[in-house]
Amino acid sequence: MDLHGIDLNLLVAFDALMKERSVTKAGIRIGRTQPAMSAALARLRSLLKDELLVRGPQGLQPTPRALDLAEPLSRALAEIQRTLDFTQAFDPSSTSATFTIGLSDHPTFALLPQFVTLLAKVAPDATLQVRNFSARDDAIDLLDSGEVDATVGVPATKTGRILTQPLFEERFVCIVRKDHPAARSALNLDAFLALPHLLVSPENERFGHVDAALAKKGLQRRLALTLPNMYAAPLLIARSNMIATLMAGVVAASGHSDELALLEPPISLDSIPFVLSWHRRNDAHPAQRWFRACVSDAARNM
């Protein structure tokens, strides 16, 4: 049978007729008039080439064909109803759903451990998948394609259909190896410019926040090394004469902070915001809202 020719309303009518065994009562059950139910029964008989329900001493009596159809169609309609019902109720303790989050490098190290611990407590049967991205606007592509449910990183340059929520901020610090001569006193601008610099640029640029701040003063630093992975920087600094200006959270999470001296930058640098982003199409879904709330809770526990 060609399913394109079946009106779902006819199946709803059939289910009501089988439960009530009365055209009038079935119509009341689903909010239709008696003539409309009679017409639906006539269409069903024509479609299925069977009388389905015939008059008997105690109302309508189902044919064998109707009895064969009743239970599977009733189950199918109930499943469709459950699928279409939109409810704010979501039980994380019993869900076995898979959630996918896109993380840039820093949230992977700083946020993910707390997030995994939280999920294990509140949703033990859920599965978490992590996608990494480097360039900030890669997050938009992941959200647009539906590859991830949400992302955490620095704000993208284009948003529009993408919704965001601030999670945390990171301040900048300068780091040198612990026994570096620059670690013996407060770092002034002249000493800062005299040192070879390591620049972290996930987007492979040779101009970062420090360079922009220096350019406003007509100054320029000497770059000795650029690399895309910020978590490689602390160890490289601990083994060299270079200086790096990094987010404090990167140094703390790197595992090498005891080998480094932290210094205040001699120039003013704005903190870096990290945001939770998601596509507008996922905004109202109860499971997605719960998932995003868990990300926020994990960020507060960092």
Protein backbone atom coordinates (compact mmCIF):
# COMPACT_ATOMS: atom_id res chain seq x y z
CA MET A 1 0.00 0.00 0.00
CA ASP A 2 1.24 3.48 -0.91
CA LEU A 3 1.60 5.43 2.34
CA HIS A 4 1.35 8.72 0.47
CA GLY A 5 -2.37 8.07 0.08
CA ILE A 6 -3.07 7.60 3.78
CA ASP A 7 -4.44 10.48 5.84
CA LEU A 8 -3.17 10.20 9.41
CA ASN A 9 -6.55 11.51 10.59
CA LEU A 10 -8.15 8.33 9.24
CA LEU A 11 -5.91 6.22 11.46
CA VAL A 12 -6.82 8.37 14.47
CA ALA A 13 -10.49 7.86 13.61
CA PHE A 14 -9.98 4.10 13.26
CA ASP A 15 -8.26 3.93 16.65
CA ALA A 16 -11.16 5.80 18.28
CA LEU A 17 -13.76 3.59 16.57
CA MET A 18 -12.01 0.44 17.76
CA LYS A 19 -11.88 1.73 21.32
CA GLU A 20 -15.48 2.99 21.47
CA ARG A 21 -17.26 0.65 19.01
CA SER A 22 -19.63 3.56 18.34
CA VAL A 23 -19.48 6.26 15.68
CA THR A 24 -21.00 8.84 18.01
CA LYS A 25 -18.76 8.05 21.01
CA ALA A 26 -15.68 7.84 18.80
CA GLY A 27 -16.49 11.30 17.42
CA ILE A 28 -16.78 12.70 20.95
CA ARG A 29 -13.46 11.05 21.87
CA ILE A 30 -11.50 12.86 19.15
CA GLY A 31 -13.68 15.97 18.76
CA ARG A 32 -15.48 15.20 15.49
CA THR A 33 -19.14 15.18 14.49
CA GLN A 34 -21.04 11.96 13.87
CA PRO A 35 -21.25 12.64 10.07
CA ALA A 36 -17.48 13.25 9.94
CA MET A 37 -16.82 9.94 11.70
CA SER A 38 -19.19 8.10 9.37
CA ALA A 39 -17.38 9.60 6.39
CA ALA A 40 -14.01 8.58 7.89
CA LEU A 41 -15.24 5.01 8.34
CA ALA A 42 -16.42 4.93 4.73
CA ARG A 43 -13.01 6.11 3.51
CA LEU A 44 -11.26 3.54 5.68
CA ARG A 45 -13.40 0.76 4.26
CA SER A 46 -12.58 1.86 0.74
CA LEU A 47 -8.87 2.25 1.48
CA LEU A 48 -8.46 -1.07 3.26
CA LYS A 49 -11.02 -2.95 1.19
CA ASP A 50 -12.74 -4.35 4.27
CA GLU A 51 -15.91 -3.55 6.21
CA LEU A 52 -13.75 -3.16 9.36
CA LEU A 53 -16.75 -2.53 11.67
CA VAL A 54 -20.23 -3.92 11.18
CA ARG A 55 -23.39 -3.37 13.21
CA GLY A 56 -24.19 -5.98 15.83
CA PRO A 57 -26.57 -6.37 18.78
CA GLN A 58 -24.10 -4.53 21.09
CA GLY A 59 -22.85 -1.84 18.74
CA LEU A 60 -20.18 -2.00 16.06
CA GLN A 61 -18.31 -5.29 15.82
CA PRO A 62 -14.77 -5.46 14.34
CA THR A 63 -13.94 -7.75 11.47
CA PRO A 64 -10.85 -10.00 11.68
CA ARG A 65 -8.99 -7.47 9.53
CA ALA A 66 -9.85 -4.67 11.97
CA LEU A 67 -8.65 -6.76 14.91
CA ASP A 68 -5.35 -7.41 13.12
CA LEU A 69 -4.84 -3.69 12.60
CA ALA A 70 -6.04 -2.35 15.95
CA GLU A 71 -3.10 -3.06 18.25
CA PRO A 72 -0.16 -2.18 15.91
CA LEU A 73 -1.86 1.03 14.74
CA SER A 74 -2.66 2.04 18.31
CA ARG A 75 0.99 1.53 19.30
CA ALA A 76 2.19 3.46 16.26
CA LEU A 77 -0.11 6.41 17.01
CA ALA A 78 0.99 6.47 20.64
CA GLU A 79 4.65 6.56 19.54
CA ILE A 80 3.95 9.40 17.11
CA GLN A 81 2.20 11.30 19.91
CA ARG A 82 5.16 10.84 22.25
CA THR A 83 7.52 12.01 19.51
CA LEU A 84 5.51 15.12 18.76
CA ASP A 85 4.75 16.08 22.35
CA PHE A 86 6.92 19.02 23.38
CA THR A 87 7.53 19.03 27.07
CA GLN A 88 9.85 20.91 29.35
CA ALA A 89 10.40 17.72 31.33
CA PHE A 90 13.77 16.07 30.83
CA ASP A 91 15.23 13.45 33.13
CA PRO A 92 19.04 13.45 32.88
CA SER A 93 19.34 10.57 35.35
CA SER A 94 17.71 8.17 32.88
CA THR A 95 18.81 9.60 29.53
CA SER A 96 21.11 7.63 27.24
CA ALA A 97 21.36 10.48 24.74
CA THR A 98 24.60 11.52 23.05
CA PHE A 99 25.62 15.18 23.31
CA THR A 100 28.39 16.75 21.24
CA ILE A 101 30.30 19.86 22.27
CA GLY A 102 32.89 21.82 20.32
CA LEU A 103 35.81 23.13 22.40
CA SER A 104 38.77 25.30 21.58
CA ASP A 105 42.09 24.37 23.21
CA HIS A 106 41.78 26.24 26.49
CA PRO A 107 38.27 25.04 27.47
CA THR A 108 39.40 21.50 26.61
CA PHE A 109 42.01 21.68 29.37
CA ALA A 110 40.36 24.09 31.81
CA LEU A 111 36.63 23.29 31.54
CA LEU A 112 36.30 19.74 30.24
CA PRO A 113 37.51 17.90 33.39
CA GLN A 114 34.87 19.63 35.54
CA PHE A 115 32.23 19.09 32.87
CA VAL A 116 32.93 15.35 32.56
CA THR A 117 32.81 14.95 36.36
CA LEU A 118 29.47 16.77 36.53
CA LEU A 119 27.91 14.72 33.73
CA ALA A 120 29.00 11.46 35.34
CA LYS A 121 27.09 12.46 38.48
CA VAL A 122 23.85 13.79 36.99
CA ALA A 123 23.59 11.82 33.71
CA PRO A 124 25.58 8.60 34.16
CA ASP A 125 24.20 6.94 31.00
CA ALA A 126 24.68 9.91 28.68
CA THR A 127 27.49 9.94 26.13
CA LEU A 128 29.65 13.01 25.50
CA GLN A 129 31.49 13.62 22.25
CA VAL A 130 34.06 16.41 21.93
CA ARG A 131 35.03 18.18 18.72
CA ASN A 132 38.03 20.49 18.69
CA PHE A 133 38.26 23.73 16.73
CA SER A 134 40.97 26.38 16.44
CA ALA A 135 39.76 29.41 14.48
CA ARG A 136 36.94 31.15 16.35
CA ASP A 137 34.58 31.18 13.37
CA ASP A 138 34.99 27.41 12.94
CA ALA A 139 32.53 27.16 15.83
CA ILE A 140 29.83 28.75 13.66
CA ASP A 141 30.39 26.19 10.91
CA LEU A 142 30.08 23.33 13.43
CA LEU A 143 26.84 24.76 14.81
CA ASP A 144 25.37 25.50 11.37
CA SER A 145 26.05 21.98 10.16
CA GLY A 146 24.58 20.42 13.30
CA GLU A 147 27.85 18.57 14.03
CA VAL A 148 27.78 19.89 17.60
CA ASP A 149 25.08 20.89 20.06
CA ALA A 150 27.08 23.76 21.55
CA THR A 151 30.59 25.24 21.54
CA VAL A 152 32.84 26.97 24.04
CA GLY A 153 35.50 29.40 22.86
CA VAL A 154 36.22 33.06 22.32
CA PRO A 155 33.37 34.99 20.67
CA ALA A 156 33.07 34.51 16.93
CA THR A 157 33.24 37.45 14.55
CA LYS A 158 29.88 36.54 12.95
CA THR A 159 26.80 35.50 14.89
CA GLY A 160 23.26 36.30 13.72
CA ARG A 161 21.50 32.95 14.11
CA ILE A 162 23.97 31.93 16.84
CA LEU A 163 23.09 32.61 20.48
CA THR A 164 25.75 33.08 23.15
CA GLN A 165 26.15 33.20 26.92
CA PRO A 166 29.26 34.50 28.75
CA LEU A 167 31.01 31.75 30.74
CA PHE A 168 34.29 33.09 32.10
CA GLU A 169 37.16 35.49 31.41
CA GLU A 170 40.90 35.01 31.43
CA ARG A 171 43.45 37.69 32.30
CA PHE A 172 46.90 37.83 30.73
CA VAL A 173 50.18 37.19 32.56
CA CYS A 174 53.76 37.14 31.37
CA ILE A 175 55.82 34.03 32.03
CA VAL A 176 59.55 33.34 32.03
CA ARG A 177 61.47 30.41 33.46
CA LYS A 178 61.79 30.57 37.23
CA ASP A 179 65.53 31.39 37.26
CA HIS A 180 65.33 33.90 34.40
CA PRO A 181 67.01 37.27 35.18
CA ALA A 182 63.72 39.03 34.32
CA ALA A 183 62.02 37.20 37.19
CA ARG A 184 64.04 39.05 39.83
CA SER A 185 62.06 42.29 39.69
CA ALA A 186 58.92 43.86 38.30
CA LEU A 187 58.83 43.77 34.53
CA ASN A 188 59.09 47.18 32.86
CA LEU A 189 58.36 47.93 29.23
CA ASP A 190 62.01 48.28 28.18
CA ALA A 191 62.93 44.91 29.67
CA PHE A 192 59.83 43.38 28.12
CA LEU A 193 60.75 44.60 24.62
CA ALA A 194 64.37 43.48 25.00
CA LEU A 195 63.39 39.83 25.43
CA PRO A 196 62.67 37.29 22.65
CA HIS A 197 58.94 36.56 22.59
CA LEU A 198 56.87 33.46 22.02
CA LEU A 199 53.51 34.15 20.35
CA VAL A 200 50.63 31.73 20.52
CA SER A 201 48.32 32.09 17.52
CA PRO A 202 45.75 29.34 16.93
CA GLU A 203 44.87 31.08 13.66
CA ASN A 204 48.55 31.22 12.55
CA GLU A 205 48.84 34.98 12.61
CA ARG A 206 51.97 36.91 13.60
CA PHE A 207 50.04 39.69 15.29
CA GLY A 208 48.33 39.10 18.63
CA HIS A 209 46.78 41.10 21.50
CA VAL A 210 50.19 42.22 22.75
CA ASP A 211 51.25 43.40 19.30
CA ALA A 212 48.05 45.39 18.93
CA ALA A 213 48.60 47.10 22.30
CA LEU A 214 52.23 47.87 21.45
CA ALA A 215 51.29 49.22 18.02
CA LYS A 216 49.10 51.85 19.70
CA LYS A 217 52.27 53.10 21.36
CA GLY A 218 54.28 52.90 18.15
CA LEU A 219 56.26 49.94 19.54
CA GLN A 220 57.04 46.45 18.31
CA ARG A 221 58.39 43.31 19.98
CA ARG A 222 60.74 40.68 18.54
CA LEU A 223 59.07 37.36 17.90
CA ALA A 224 61.39 34.40 18.32
CA LEU A 225 58.73 31.71 17.96
CA THR A 226 55.10 31.42 16.94
CA LEU A 227 53.03 28.28 17.46
CA PRO A 228 49.33 27.37 17.28
CA ASN A 229 49.05 25.33 20.50
CA MET A 230 48.95 27.46 23.66
CA TYR A 231 49.50 24.49 25.98
CA ALA A 232 52.91 23.82 24.45
CA ALA A 233 54.06 27.31 25.42
CA PRO A 234 54.66 26.93 29.20
CA LEU A 235 57.11 24.03 28.79
CA LEU A 236 58.95 25.83 25.98
CA ILE A 237 59.28 28.93 28.16
CA ALA A 238 60.52 26.84 31.11
CA ARG A 239 63.32 25.49 28.87
CA SER A 240 64.38 28.75 27.17
CA ASN A 241 65.21 32.43 27.57
CA MET A 242 61.97 33.52 25.90
CA ILE A 243 59.01 35.32 27.43
CA ALA A 244 55.36 34.64 26.63
CA THR A 245 52.17 36.51 27.41
CA LEU A 246 49.47 33.94 28.08
CA MET A 247 46.12 33.59 29.76
CA ALA A 248 46.62 32.84 33.45
CA GLY A 249 44.36 29.81 33.22
CA VAL A 250 46.59 28.24 30.58
CA VAL A 251 49.60 28.49 32.86
CA ALA A 252 47.64 27.07 35.80
CA ALA A 253 46.32 24.12 33.79
CA SER A 254 49.56 23.38 31.95
CA GLY A 255 51.23 21.40 34.73
CA HIS A 256 54.39 23.52 34.51
CA SER A 257 53.49 26.51 36.69
CA ASP A 258 56.04 25.47 39.35
CA GLU A 259 58.81 25.92 36.75
CA LEU A 260 57.75 29.43 35.80
CA ALA A 261 57.71 32.95 37.15
CA LEU A 262 54.50 34.90 36.60
CA LEU A 263 54.86 38.62 35.95
CA GLU A 264 52.37 41.40 35.37
CA PRO A 265 52.44 42.63 31.76
CA PRO A 266 53.90 46.13 31.46
CA ILE A 267 51.08 47.13 29.10
CA SER A 268 47.33 47.16 29.56
CA LEU A 269 45.64 44.10 28.07
CA ASP A 270 41.91 43.37 28.13
CA SER A 271 40.78 40.05 29.52
CA ILE A 272 39.68 37.38 27.05
CA PRO A 273 36.02 36.32 27.28
CA PHE A 274 34.93 32.73 26.67
CA VAL A 275 31.34 32.11 25.65
CA LEU A 276 28.94 29.23 25.29
CA SER A 277 27.38 29.29 21.81
CA TRP A 278 24.48 27.37 20.30
CA HIS A 279 22.29 27.54 17.22
CA ARG A 280 18.91 29.23 17.48
CA ARG A 281 17.17 26.02 16.32
CA ASN A 282 18.31 24.26 19.54
CA ASP A 283 17.34 27.08 21.89
CA ALA A 284 14.06 25.72 23.27
CA HIS A 285 14.75 21.97 23.24
CA PRO A 286 14.58 20.75 26.88
CA ALA A 287 17.51 18.33 26.63
CA GLN A 288 19.64 20.99 24.96
CA ARG A 289 18.72 23.57 27.59
CA TRP A 290 19.72 21.11 30.32
CA PHE A 291 22.99 20.38 28.51
CA ARG A 292 23.87 24.07 28.29
CA ALA A 293 23.01 24.56 31.97
CA CYS A 294 25.50 21.81 32.81
CA VAL A 295 28.21 23.61 30.84
CA SER A 296 27.47 26.80 32.80
CA ASP A 297 27.61 24.93 36.11
CA ALA A 298 30.96 23.39 35.19
CA ALA A 299 32.33 26.83 34.27
CA ARG A 300 31.32 28.18 37.68
CA ASN A 301 33.22 25.31 39.33
CA MET A 302 36.45 26.03 37.45
